[in-house]
Amino acid sequence: MNLKPETLLRIDEVITHYPVRRSAMLPLLHLIQEDIGHIPDEAIEWVAARLGLQPVNVYEVVTFYPMFKRRPVGRRHIKVCRTLSCALMGGYKICGTFQKEFGVGLDEVTPDGEVSIEFVECLASCGTAPVVMIDDDLHENVTPEKARALAAQIKAGAASRPAPPPAAV
């Protein structure tokens, strides 16, 4: 696993704060996800070895908490609430609108790596349902029209960025 040297230093430092090494698991997983964007199997095994645990002990934590991603997500991550209030107010339709706008299914990433869409549990804004979180920004009372406008903003932002340099051959 290729972690940045500064991430490895932070991991070493974080572990010293926990007399019971297992307790450092969540901070380590956050640091790894911050560095590489998700938690692959290799990271689960690495954290387990680093903390003296069985890989299944780390796997059960990674799969329990929805903030940990097992696969890469897009640069712009759209999370649509699916809990009761949002579902009743049109959350499923909003999710479908985003999928149609970006031509991608749930938990998939657009071919350019720009966008991923995820259906999530409660975003804690039931009174303003349906809600969508794009990256860290909460959008309330989202209608299909508002979803299309948000999608247009995301597309415009992607189009205005310079193309990545060609891959070295």
C-alpha atoms as a PDB file:
ATOM      1  CA  MET A   1       0.000   0.000   0.000  1.00  0.00           C
ATOM      2  CA  ASN A   2       1.423   3.355  -1.025  1.00  0.00           C
ATOM      3  CA  LEU A   3       0.707   5.910   1.657  1.00  0.00           C
ATOM      4  CA  LYS A   4       2.325   9.314   1.639  1.00  0.00           C
ATOM      5  CA  PRO A   5       5.243   9.644   4.066  1.00  0.00           C
ATOM      6  CA  GLU A   6       3.359  12.335   6.009  1.00  0.00           C
ATOM      7  CA  THR A   7       0.404   9.973   6.424  1.00  0.00           C
ATOM      8  CA  LEU A   8       2.684   7.260   7.780  1.00  0.00           C
ATOM      9  CA  LEU A   9       4.154   9.754  10.264  1.00  0.00           C
ATOM     10  CA  ARG A  10       0.675  10.818  11.384  1.00  0.00           C
ATOM     11  CA  ILE A  11      -0.324   7.163  11.799  1.00  0.00           C
ATOM     12  CA  ASP A  12       2.726   6.492  13.975  1.00  0.00           C
ATOM     13  CA  GLU A  13       1.914   9.553  16.071  1.00  0.00           C
ATOM     14  CA  VAL A  14      -1.800   8.731  16.433  1.00  0.00           C
ATOM     15  CA  ILE A  15      -1.107   5.217  17.686  1.00  0.00           C
ATOM     16  CA  THR A  16       0.888   6.627  20.619  1.00  0.00           C
ATOM     17  CA  HIS A  17      -2.280   8.279  21.957  1.00  0.00           C
ATOM     18  CA  TYR A  18      -4.047   4.948  22.524  1.00  0.00           C
ATOM     19  CA  PRO A  19      -2.896   2.607  25.299  1.00  0.00           C
ATOM     20  CA  VAL A  20      -5.135  -0.052  23.745  1.00  0.00           C
ATOM     21  CA  ARG A  21      -3.917  -0.192  20.139  1.00  0.00           C
ATOM     22  CA  ARG A  22      -7.290  -1.372  18.803  1.00  0.00           C
ATOM     23  CA  SER A  23      -8.723   2.019  19.803  1.00  0.00           C
ATOM     24  CA  ALA A  24      -6.574   3.698  17.140  1.00  0.00           C
ATOM     25  CA  MET A  25      -8.444   1.876  14.362  1.00  0.00           C
ATOM     26  CA  LEU A  26     -10.944   4.621  13.445  1.00  0.00           C
ATOM     27  CA  PRO A  27      -8.354   7.414  13.293  1.00  0.00           C
ATOM     28  CA  LEU A  28      -6.061   5.216  11.179  1.00  0.00           C
ATOM     29  CA  LEU A  29      -8.855   4.363   8.766  1.00  0.00           C
ATOM     30  CA  HIS A  30      -9.730   8.049   8.433  1.00  0.00           C
ATOM     31  CA  LEU A  31      -6.104   8.927   7.688  1.00  0.00           C
ATOM     32  CA  ILE A  32      -5.835   6.198   5.063  1.00  0.00           C
ATOM     33  CA  GLN A  33      -9.080   7.217   3.378  1.00  0.00           C
ATOM     34  CA  GLU A  34      -7.986  10.854   3.428  1.00  0.00           C
ATOM     35  CA  ASP A  35      -4.741   9.826   1.709  1.00  0.00           C
ATOM     36  CA  ILE A  36      -5.935   7.345  -0.923  1.00  0.00           C
ATOM     37  CA  GLY A  37      -9.670   8.083  -1.099  1.00  0.00           C
ATOM     38  CA  HIS A  38     -11.041   4.721   0.014  1.00  0.00           C
ATOM     39  CA  ILE A  39     -10.263   1.641   2.121  1.00  0.00           C
ATOM     40  CA  PRO A  40      -9.169  -1.273  -0.101  1.00  0.00           C
ATOM     41  CA  ASP A  41      -8.596  -4.819   1.187  1.00  0.00           C
ATOM     42  CA  GLU A  42      -4.861  -4.138   1.306  1.00  0.00           C
ATOM     43  CA  ALA A  43      -5.474  -1.285   3.774  1.00  0.00           C
ATOM     44  CA  ILE A  44      -7.663  -3.487   5.974  1.00  0.00           C
ATOM     45  CA  GLU A  45      -4.909  -6.069   6.186  1.00  0.00           C
ATOM     46  CA  TRP A  46      -2.254  -3.387   6.792  1.00  0.00           C
ATOM     47  CA  VAL A  47      -4.224  -1.755   9.650  1.00  0.00           C
ATOM     48  CA  ALA A  48      -4.896  -5.165  11.206  1.00  0.00           C
ATOM     49  CA  ALA A  49      -1.193  -6.049  11.135  1.00  0.00           C
ATOM     50  CA  ARG A  50      -0.210  -2.593  12.431  1.00  0.00           C
ATOM     51  CA  LEU A  51      -2.603  -2.869  15.385  1.00  0.00           C
ATOM     52  CA  GLY A  52      -2.107  -6.585  16.098  1.00  0.00           C
ATOM     53  CA  LEU A  53      -5.649  -7.543  15.072  1.00  0.00           C
ATOM     54  CA  GLN A  54      -7.256 -10.007  12.716  1.00  0.00           C
ATOM     55  CA  PRO A  55      -8.300  -8.496   9.356  1.00  0.00           C
ATOM     56  CA  VAL A  56     -11.932  -9.393  10.086  1.00  0.00           C
ATOM     57  CA  ASN A  57     -11.822  -7.017  13.093  1.00  0.00           C
ATOM     58  CA  VAL A  58     -10.972  -4.125  10.778  1.00  0.00           C
ATOM     59  CA  TYR A  59     -13.314  -5.290   8.012  1.00  0.00           C
ATOM     60  CA  GLU A  60     -16.313  -5.288  10.345  1.00  0.00           C
ATOM     61  CA  VAL A  61     -15.605  -1.663  11.298  1.00  0.00           C
ATOM     62  CA  VAL A  62     -15.073  -0.535   7.695  1.00  0.00           C
ATOM     63  CA  THR A  63     -18.311  -2.155   6.548  1.00  0.00           C
ATOM     64  CA  PHE A  64     -20.330  -0.909   9.535  1.00  0.00           C
ATOM     65  CA  TYR A  65     -19.586   2.805   9.187  1.00  0.00           C
ATOM     66  CA  PRO A  66     -20.940   4.399   6.002  1.00  0.00           C
ATOM     67  CA  MET A  67     -18.279   7.134   5.988  1.00  0.00           C
ATOM     68  CA  PHE A  68     -15.700   4.548   4.948  1.00  0.00           C
ATOM     69  CA  LYS A  69     -15.677   3.837   1.229  1.00  0.00           C
ATOM     70  CA  ARG A  70     -14.554   0.444  -0.032  1.00  0.00           C
ATOM     71  CA  ARG A  71     -14.187   1.692  -3.598  1.00  0.00           C
ATOM     72  CA  PRO A  72     -13.020   5.000  -5.032  1.00  0.00           C
ATOM     73  CA  VAL A  73     -15.618   7.747  -5.275  1.00  0.00           C
ATOM     74  CA  GLY A  74     -15.794  10.606  -7.731  1.00  0.00           C
ATOM     75  CA  ARG A  75     -14.097  13.934  -7.156  1.00  0.00           C
ATOM     76  CA  ARG A  76     -17.643  15.238  -6.614  1.00  0.00           C
ATOM     77  CA  HIS A  77     -19.570  12.844  -4.399  1.00  0.00           C
ATOM     78  CA  ILE A  78     -23.359  13.198  -4.437  1.00  0.00           C
ATOM     79  CA  LYS A  79     -25.171  11.645  -1.488  1.00  0.00           C
ATOM     80  CA  VAL A  80     -28.972  11.473  -1.696  1.00  0.00           C
ATOM     81  CA  CYS A  81     -30.912  10.752   1.504  1.00  0.00           C
ATOM     82  CA  ARG A  82     -33.197   7.746   1.269  1.00  0.00           C
ATOM     83  CA  THR A  83     -34.749   7.724   4.741  1.00  0.00           C
ATOM     84  CA  LEU A  84     -38.486   8.026   5.251  1.00  0.00           C
ATOM     85  CA  SER A  85     -38.967  11.807   5.133  1.00  0.00           C
ATOM     86  CA  CYS A  86     -36.820  12.186   2.052  1.00  0.00           C
ATOM     87  CA  ALA A  87     -38.313   9.111   0.377  1.00  0.00           C
ATOM     88  CA  LEU A  88     -41.835  10.433   0.917  1.00  0.00           C
ATOM     89  CA  MET A  89     -40.870  13.853  -0.421  1.00  0.00           C
ATOM     90  CA  GLY A  90     -39.267  12.529  -3.621  1.00  0.00           C
ATOM     91  CA  GLY A  91     -35.754  11.407  -2.709  1.00  0.00           C
ATOM     92  CA  TYR A  92     -35.885   8.412  -5.040  1.00  0.00           C
ATOM     93  CA  LYS A  93     -36.895  10.677  -7.931  1.00  0.00           C
ATOM     94  CA  ILE A  94     -34.052  13.068  -7.061  1.00  0.00           C
ATOM     95  CA  CYS A  95     -31.581  10.198  -7.045  1.00  0.00           C
ATOM     96  CA  GLY A  96     -32.873   9.052 -10.433  1.00  0.00           C
ATOM     97  CA  THR A  97     -32.505  12.584 -11.787  1.00  0.00           C
ATOM     98  CA  PHE A  98     -28.828  12.693 -10.786  1.00  0.00           C
ATOM     99  CA  GLN A  99     -28.226   9.238 -12.261  1.00  0.00           C
ATOM    100  CA  LYS A 100     -29.795  10.319 -15.544  1.00  0.00           C
ATOM    101  CA  GLU A 101     -27.876  13.624 -15.619  1.00  0.00           C
ATOM    102  CA  PHE A 102     -24.520  11.901 -15.164  1.00  0.00           C
ATOM    103  CA  GLY A 103     -25.268   8.597 -16.898  1.00  0.00           C
ATOM    104  CA  VAL A 104     -24.043   6.587 -13.943  1.00  0.00           C
ATOM    105  CA  GLY A 105     -25.620   4.107 -11.543  1.00  0.00           C
ATOM    106  CA  LEU A 106     -25.514   4.092  -7.770  1.00  0.00           C
ATOM    107  CA  ASP A 107     -22.064   3.586  -6.268  1.00  0.00           C
ATOM    108  CA  GLU A 108     -20.437   3.969  -9.673  1.00  0.00           C
ATOM    109  CA  VAL A 109     -18.015   6.650 -10.822  1.00  0.00           C
ATOM    110  CA  THR A 110     -18.333   8.482 -14.133  1.00  0.00           C
ATOM    111  CA  PRO A 111     -15.643   7.446 -16.637  1.00  0.00           C
ATOM    112  CA  ASP A 112     -13.823  10.753 -16.123  1.00  0.00           C
ATOM    113  CA  GLY A 113     -13.677  10.139 -12.357  1.00  0.00           C
ATOM    114  CA  GLU A 114     -15.624  13.316 -11.716  1.00  0.00           C
ATOM    115  CA  VAL A 115     -18.917  12.172 -10.118  1.00  0.00           C
ATOM    116  CA  SER A 116     -20.280   9.360  -8.008  1.00  0.00           C
ATOM    117  CA  ILE A 117     -23.798   9.022  -6.624  1.00  0.00           C
ATOM    118  CA  GLU A 118     -24.726   7.220  -3.439  1.00  0.00           C
ATOM    119  CA  PHE A 119     -28.006   6.613  -1.640  1.00  0.00           C
ATOM    120  CA  VAL A 120     -27.366   7.190   2.075  1.00  0.00           C
ATOM    121  CA  GLU A 121     -29.196   6.968   5.347  1.00  0.00           C
ATOM    122  CA  CYS A 122     -30.390  10.074   7.143  1.00  0.00           C
ATOM    123  CA  LEU A 123     -28.582  13.350   6.484  1.00  0.00           C
ATOM    124  CA  ALA A 124     -30.320  14.851   9.546  1.00  0.00           C
ATOM    125  CA  SER A 125     -32.477  17.420   7.803  1.00  0.00           C
ATOM    126  CA  CYS A 126     -35.866  15.691   7.748  1.00  0.00           C
ATOM    127  CA  GLY A 127     -37.804  18.957   7.990  1.00  0.00           C
ATOM    128  CA  THR A 128     -36.364  20.156   4.686  1.00  0.00           C
ATOM    129  CA  ALA A 129     -36.686  16.902   2.736  1.00  0.00           C
ATOM    130  CA  PRO A 130     -35.588  15.778   0.285  1.00  0.00           C
ATOM    131  CA  VAL A 131     -31.956  16.575   0.955  1.00  0.00           C
ATOM    132  CA  VAL A 132     -28.751  15.976  -0.953  1.00  0.00           C
ATOM    133  CA  MET A 133     -25.173  16.385   0.180  1.00  0.00           C
ATOM    134  CA  ILE A 134     -22.636  17.193  -2.506  1.00  0.00           C
ATOM    135  CA  ASP A 135     -19.196  16.760  -1.027  1.00  0.00           C
ATOM    136  CA  ASP A 136     -19.732  18.572   2.300  1.00  0.00           C
ATOM    137  CA  ASP A 137     -22.498  20.948   1.182  1.00  0.00           C
ATOM    138  CA  LEU A 138     -26.085  20.193   2.187  1.00  0.00           C
ATOM    139  CA  HIS A 139     -28.870  21.087  -0.266  1.00  0.00           C
ATOM    140  CA  GLU A 140     -32.402  21.149   1.113  1.00  0.00           C
ATOM    141  CA  ASN A 141     -35.862  20.945  -0.460  1.00  0.00           C
ATOM    142  CA  VAL A 142     -34.331  19.509  -3.624  1.00  0.00           C
ATOM    143  CA  THR A 143     -36.710  19.183  -6.564  1.00  0.00           C
ATOM    144  CA  PRO A 144     -35.895  17.481  -9.867  1.00  0.00           C
ATOM    145  CA  GLU A 145     -35.358  20.964 -11.347  1.00  0.00           C
ATOM    146  CA  LYS A 146     -32.959  21.901  -8.545  1.00  0.00           C
ATOM    147  CA  ALA A 147     -31.158  18.554  -9.006  1.00  0.00           C
ATOM    148  CA  ARG A 148     -30.700  19.321 -12.716  1.00  0.00           C
ATOM    149  CA  ALA A 149     -29.384  22.799 -11.839  1.00  0.00           C
ATOM    150  CA  LEU A 150     -26.907  21.305  -9.339  1.00  0.00           C
ATOM    151  CA  ALA A 151     -25.812  18.787 -11.965  1.00  0.00           C
ATOM    152  CA  ALA A 152     -25.275  21.611 -14.452  1.00  0.00           C
ATOM    153  CA  GLN A 153     -23.097  23.451 -11.915  1.00  0.00           C
ATOM    154  CA  ILE A 154     -21.007  20.340 -11.361  1.00  0.00           C
ATOM    155  CA  LYS A 155     -20.640  19.800 -15.110  1.00  0.00           C
ATOM    156  CA  ALA A 156     -19.673  23.452 -15.641  1.00  0.00           C
ATOM    157  CA  GLY A 157     -17.040  23.192 -12.906  1.00  0.00           C
ATOM    158  CA  ALA A 158     -15.579  20.062 -14.465  1.00  0.00           C
ATOM    159  CA  ALA A 159     -15.506  21.647 -17.906  1.00  0.00           C
ATOM    160  CA  SER A 160     -13.690  24.738 -16.619  1.00  0.00           C
ATOM    161  CA  ARG A 161     -10.819  22.739 -15.080  1.00  0.00           C
ATOM    162  CA  PRO A 162      -7.827  22.062 -17.264  1.00  0.00           C
ATOM    163  CA  ALA A 163      -7.500  18.535 -18.568  1.00  0.00           C
ATOM    164  CA  PRO A 164      -5.144  16.322 -16.588  1.00  0.00           C
ATOM    165  CA  PRO A 165      -1.712  15.822 -18.142  1.00  0.00           C
ATOM    166  CA  PRO A 166      -1.350  12.752 -20.363  1.00  0.00           C
ATOM    167  CA  ALA A 167      -0.192   9.616 -18.594  1.00  0.00           C
ATOM    168  CA  ALA A 168       3.495   8.816 -18.903  1.00  0.00           C
ATOM    169  CA  VAL A 169       4.200   5.937 -21.228  1.00  0.00           C
END
